[in-house]
């Protein structure tokens, strides 16, 4: 991702940016991501935690314990409910939900994770590294 990463929620109450390129771009097929997105997977771009900056508004968070034992805090707009981020306690990254990017065409998936949880009808990306669970 060569351009600055910018985006926000559906209603415009939350805006963010990252001047740092994505460390990884992936599709996560874990059941928590399926439930939180309402789809087969969550496409995300990962940036270092310190690179993610809110430029407008605040996120509300919902925290769960992942299969790994790490805490996952999902950030969303309290007004419109748009999912924006996921932050894992055991990792130094913020996962930004691709649907919240101003330019979702910046997404270039390099990996698919938790594919063991993917439903049979889920689309998959050809040519990316595939992991049955979390590669970390």
C-alpha atoms as a PDB file:
ATOM      1  CA  UNK A   1       0.000   0.000   0.000  1.00  0.00           C
ATOM      2  CA  UNK A   2       1.946   3.014  -1.223  1.00  0.00           C
ATOM      3  CA  UNK A   3      -0.585   5.751  -0.403  1.00  0.00           C
ATOM      4  CA  UNK A   4      -1.472   7.013   3.039  1.00  0.00           C
ATOM      5  CA  UNK A   5      -4.174   4.891   4.617  1.00  0.00           C
ATOM      6  CA  UNK A   6      -7.260   6.969   5.430  1.00  0.00           C
ATOM      7  CA  UNK A   7     -10.852   6.137   6.135  1.00  0.00           C
ATOM      8  CA  UNK A   8     -13.798   6.347   8.447  1.00  0.00           C
ATOM      9  CA  UNK A   9     -17.258   5.141   9.315  1.00  0.00           C
ATOM     10  CA  UNK A  10     -20.493   5.241   7.338  1.00  0.00           C
ATOM     11  CA  UNK A  11     -21.928   8.325   9.069  1.00  0.00           C
ATOM     12  CA  UNK A  12     -18.665  10.326   9.120  1.00  0.00           C
ATOM     13  CA  UNK A  13     -18.431  10.633  12.919  1.00  0.00           C
ATOM     14  CA  UNK A  14     -15.131   8.688  12.974  1.00  0.00           C
ATOM     15  CA  UNK A  15     -12.101   9.341  10.755  1.00  0.00           C
ATOM     16  CA  UNK A  16      -8.592   7.874  10.936  1.00  0.00           C
ATOM     17  CA  UNK A  17      -5.257   7.726   9.164  1.00  0.00           C
ATOM     18  CA  UNK A  18      -1.973   5.885   9.063  1.00  0.00           C
ATOM     19  CA  UNK A  19       1.038   7.398   7.324  1.00  0.00           C
ATOM     20  CA  UNK A  20       2.786   4.013   7.545  1.00  0.00           C
ATOM     21  CA  UNK A  21       2.303   1.303   4.931  1.00  0.00           C
ATOM     22  CA  UNK A  22       0.502  -1.875   5.921  1.00  0.00           C
ATOM     23  CA  UNK A  23       2.700  -4.558   7.448  1.00  0.00           C
ATOM     24  CA  UNK A  24       0.331  -7.237   6.179  1.00  0.00           C
ATOM     25  CA  UNK A  25      -2.957  -7.445   4.308  1.00  0.00           C
ATOM     26  CA  UNK A  26      -5.099 -10.459   5.044  1.00  0.00           C
ATOM     27  CA  UNK A  27      -8.514 -12.050   5.061  1.00  0.00           C
ATOM     28  CA  UNK A  28      -9.473 -13.518   8.431  1.00  0.00           C
ATOM     29  CA  UNK A  29     -12.016 -16.346   8.374  1.00  0.00           C
ATOM     30  CA  UNK A  30     -12.263 -16.869  12.162  1.00  0.00           C
ATOM     31  CA  UNK A  31     -15.780 -17.198  13.580  1.00  0.00           C
ATOM     32  CA  UNK A  32     -15.441 -13.951  15.563  1.00  0.00           C
ATOM     33  CA  UNK A  33     -14.624 -12.016  12.377  1.00  0.00           C
ATOM     34  CA  UNK A  34     -17.499 -13.699  10.566  1.00  0.00           C
ATOM     35  CA  UNK A  35     -19.904 -12.672  13.303  1.00  0.00           C
ATOM     36  CA  UNK A  36     -18.569  -9.137  13.629  1.00  0.00           C
ATOM     37  CA  UNK A  37     -18.694  -8.461   9.879  1.00  0.00           C
ATOM     38  CA  UNK A  38     -21.761 -10.497   8.960  1.00  0.00           C
ATOM     39  CA  UNK A  39     -19.790 -12.158   6.165  1.00  0.00           C
ATOM     40  CA  UNK A  40     -17.468 -15.070   5.429  1.00  0.00           C
ATOM     41  CA  UNK A  41     -14.312 -13.188   6.429  1.00  0.00           C
ATOM     42  CA  UNK A  42     -12.908  -9.839   7.505  1.00  0.00           C
ATOM     43  CA  UNK A  43     -10.493  -8.227   5.035  1.00  0.00           C
ATOM     44  CA  UNK A  44      -7.953  -6.199   7.042  1.00  0.00           C
ATOM     45  CA  UNK A  45      -4.772  -4.202   6.651  1.00  0.00           C
ATOM     46  CA  UNK A  46      -2.402  -4.335   9.606  1.00  0.00           C
ATOM     47  CA  UNK A  47      -0.384  -1.291  10.653  1.00  0.00           C
ATOM     48  CA  UNK A  48       1.811  -0.779  13.727  1.00  0.00           C
ATOM     49  CA  UNK A  49      -0.385   0.234  16.685  1.00  0.00           C
ATOM     50  CA  UNK A  50       1.398   3.569  17.080  1.00  0.00           C
ATOM     51  CA  UNK A  51       0.794   4.421  13.382  1.00  0.00           C
ATOM     52  CA  UNK A  52      -3.015   4.302  13.649  1.00  0.00           C
ATOM     53  CA  UNK A  53      -4.412   7.737  14.540  1.00  0.00           C
ATOM     54  CA  UNK A  54      -7.999   8.850  14.992  1.00  0.00           C
ATOM     55  CA  UNK A  55      -8.450  12.257  13.367  1.00  0.00           C
ATOM     56  CA  UNK A  56     -12.129  12.669  14.250  1.00  0.00           C
ATOM     57  CA  UNK A  57     -14.410  11.111  16.837  1.00  0.00           C
ATOM     58  CA  UNK A  58     -13.901   8.125  19.106  1.00  0.00           C
ATOM     59  CA  UNK A  59     -14.360   4.394  18.778  1.00  0.00           C
ATOM     60  CA  UNK A  60     -16.478   2.258  21.047  1.00  0.00           C
ATOM     61  CA  UNK A  61     -14.887  -1.132  21.794  1.00  0.00           C
ATOM     62  CA  UNK A  62     -16.122  -4.657  22.304  1.00  0.00           C
ATOM     63  CA  UNK A  63     -13.592  -7.120  23.728  1.00  0.00           C
ATOM     64  CA  UNK A  64     -13.516 -10.911  23.466  1.00  0.00           C
ATOM     65  CA  UNK A  65     -10.977 -13.617  24.246  1.00  0.00           C
ATOM     66  CA  UNK A  66      -9.755 -15.245  21.041  1.00  0.00           C
ATOM     67  CA  UNK A  67      -8.992 -18.930  20.562  1.00  0.00           C
ATOM     68  CA  UNK A  68      -5.322 -17.998  21.085  1.00  0.00           C
ATOM     69  CA  UNK A  69      -6.094 -16.672  24.563  1.00  0.00           C
ATOM     70  CA  UNK A  70      -5.319 -13.100  23.469  1.00  0.00           C
ATOM     71  CA  UNK A  71      -7.849 -10.332  24.014  1.00  0.00           C
ATOM     72  CA  UNK A  72      -9.306  -8.878  20.816  1.00  0.00           C
ATOM     73  CA  UNK A  73     -10.759  -5.396  21.076  1.00  0.00           C
ATOM     74  CA  UNK A  74     -12.959  -4.469  18.125  1.00  0.00           C
ATOM     75  CA  UNK A  75     -13.440  -0.746  17.569  1.00  0.00           C
ATOM     76  CA  UNK A  76     -16.555   0.577  15.890  1.00  0.00           C
ATOM     77  CA  UNK A  77     -18.520   3.803  15.494  1.00  0.00           C
ATOM     78  CA  UNK A  78     -20.974   4.177  18.373  1.00  0.00           C
ATOM     79  CA  UNK A  79     -23.363   6.135  16.112  1.00  0.00           C
ATOM     80  CA  UNK A  80     -23.631   3.970  12.963  1.00  0.00           C
ATOM     81  CA  UNK A  81     -21.983   0.721  14.097  1.00  0.00           C
ATOM     82  CA  UNK A  82     -19.401   0.594  11.299  1.00  0.00           C
ATOM     83  CA  UNK A  83     -16.548  -1.775  12.178  1.00  0.00           C
ATOM     84  CA  UNK A  84     -13.224   0.060  12.008  1.00  0.00           C
ATOM     85  CA  UNK A  85     -10.469  -1.835  13.882  1.00  0.00           C
ATOM     86  CA  UNK A  86      -9.410  -4.952  15.717  1.00  0.00           C
ATOM     87  CA  UNK A  87      -6.528  -4.858  18.188  1.00  0.00           C
ATOM     88  CA  UNK A  88      -5.048  -8.091  19.540  1.00  0.00           C
ATOM     89  CA  UNK A  89      -3.389  -7.896  22.939  1.00  0.00           C
ATOM     90  CA  UNK A  90      -0.526 -10.192  21.901  1.00  0.00           C
ATOM     91  CA  UNK A  91       0.352  -8.378  18.667  1.00  0.00           C
ATOM     92  CA  UNK A  92       1.869  -4.938  17.952  1.00  0.00           C
ATOM     93  CA  UNK A  93      -0.622  -4.144  15.169  1.00  0.00           C
ATOM     94  CA  UNK A  94      -3.973  -2.489  14.589  1.00  0.00           C
ATOM     95  CA  UNK A  95      -6.065  -4.330  12.013  1.00  0.00           C
ATOM     96  CA  UNK A  96      -8.048  -1.814   9.975  1.00  0.00           C
ATOM     97  CA  UNK A  97     -11.224  -3.119   8.349  1.00  0.00           C
ATOM     98  CA  UNK A  98     -10.898  -2.679   4.581  1.00  0.00           C
ATOM     99  CA  UNK A  99     -14.550  -1.665   4.192  1.00  0.00           C
ATOM    100  CA  UNK A 100     -13.780   1.477   6.196  1.00  0.00           C
ATOM    101  CA  UNK A 101     -10.973   2.633   3.868  1.00  0.00           C
ATOM    102  CA  UNK A 102     -11.680   5.649   1.690  1.00  0.00           C
ATOM    103  CA  UNK A 103     -10.116   3.634  -1.142  1.00  0.00           C
ATOM    104  CA  UNK A 104     -10.809  -0.071  -0.558  1.00  0.00           C
ATOM    105  CA  UNK A 105      -9.008  -0.794  -3.846  1.00  0.00           C
ATOM    106  CA  UNK A 106      -5.783  -0.319  -1.890  1.00  0.00           C
ATOM    107  CA  UNK A 107      -6.366  -3.804  -0.450  1.00  0.00           C
ATOM    108  CA  UNK A 108      -3.930  -6.344  -1.869  1.00  0.00           C
ATOM    109  CA  UNK A 109      -4.364  -9.520   0.200  1.00  0.00           C
ATOM    110  CA  UNK A 110      -1.182 -11.456   0.903  1.00  0.00           C
ATOM    111  CA  UNK A 111      -2.586 -14.039   3.315  1.00  0.00           C
ATOM    112  CA  UNK A 112      -5.747 -15.810   4.415  1.00  0.00           C
ATOM    113  CA  UNK A 113      -5.899 -16.881   8.048  1.00  0.00           C
ATOM    114  CA  UNK A 114      -8.198 -19.173  10.026  1.00  0.00           C
ATOM    115  CA  UNK A 115      -9.305 -20.787   6.765  1.00  0.00           C
ATOM    116  CA  UNK A 116     -10.196 -23.914   8.787  1.00  0.00           C
ATOM    117  CA  UNK A 117     -13.215 -21.876   9.974  1.00  0.00           C
ATOM    118  CA  UNK A 118     -14.269 -20.724   6.508  1.00  0.00           C
ATOM    119  CA  UNK A 119     -17.760 -21.787   5.424  1.00  0.00           C
ATOM    120  CA  UNK A 120     -17.904 -23.993   2.328  1.00  0.00           C
ATOM    121  CA  UNK A 121     -19.390 -21.120   0.277  1.00  0.00           C
ATOM    122  CA  UNK A 122     -16.672 -18.588   1.236  1.00  0.00           C
ATOM    123  CA  UNK A 123     -14.695 -16.937  -1.561  1.00  0.00           C
ATOM    124  CA  UNK A 124     -10.922 -17.393  -1.445  1.00  0.00           C
ATOM    125  CA  UNK A 125      -8.082 -15.387  -2.985  1.00  0.00           C
ATOM    126  CA  UNK A 126      -5.773 -17.231  -5.377  1.00  0.00           C
ATOM    127  CA  UNK A 127      -2.043 -16.856  -4.934  1.00  0.00           C
ATOM    128  CA  UNK A 128      -1.992 -15.846  -1.251  1.00  0.00           C
ATOM    129  CA  UNK A 129      -0.451 -17.707   1.673  1.00  0.00           C
ATOM    130  CA  UNK A 130      -3.098 -19.720   3.475  1.00  0.00           C
ATOM    131  CA  UNK A 131      -3.067 -20.679   7.161  1.00  0.00           C
ATOM    132  CA  UNK A 132      -5.566 -23.026   8.841  1.00  0.00           C
ATOM    133  CA  UNK A 133      -5.241 -20.940  12.031  1.00  0.00           C
ATOM    134  CA  UNK A 134      -3.279 -17.848  13.111  1.00  0.00           C
ATOM    135  CA  UNK A 135       0.254 -17.939  11.671  1.00  0.00           C
ATOM    136  CA  UNK A 136       1.628 -16.017  14.682  1.00  0.00           C
END
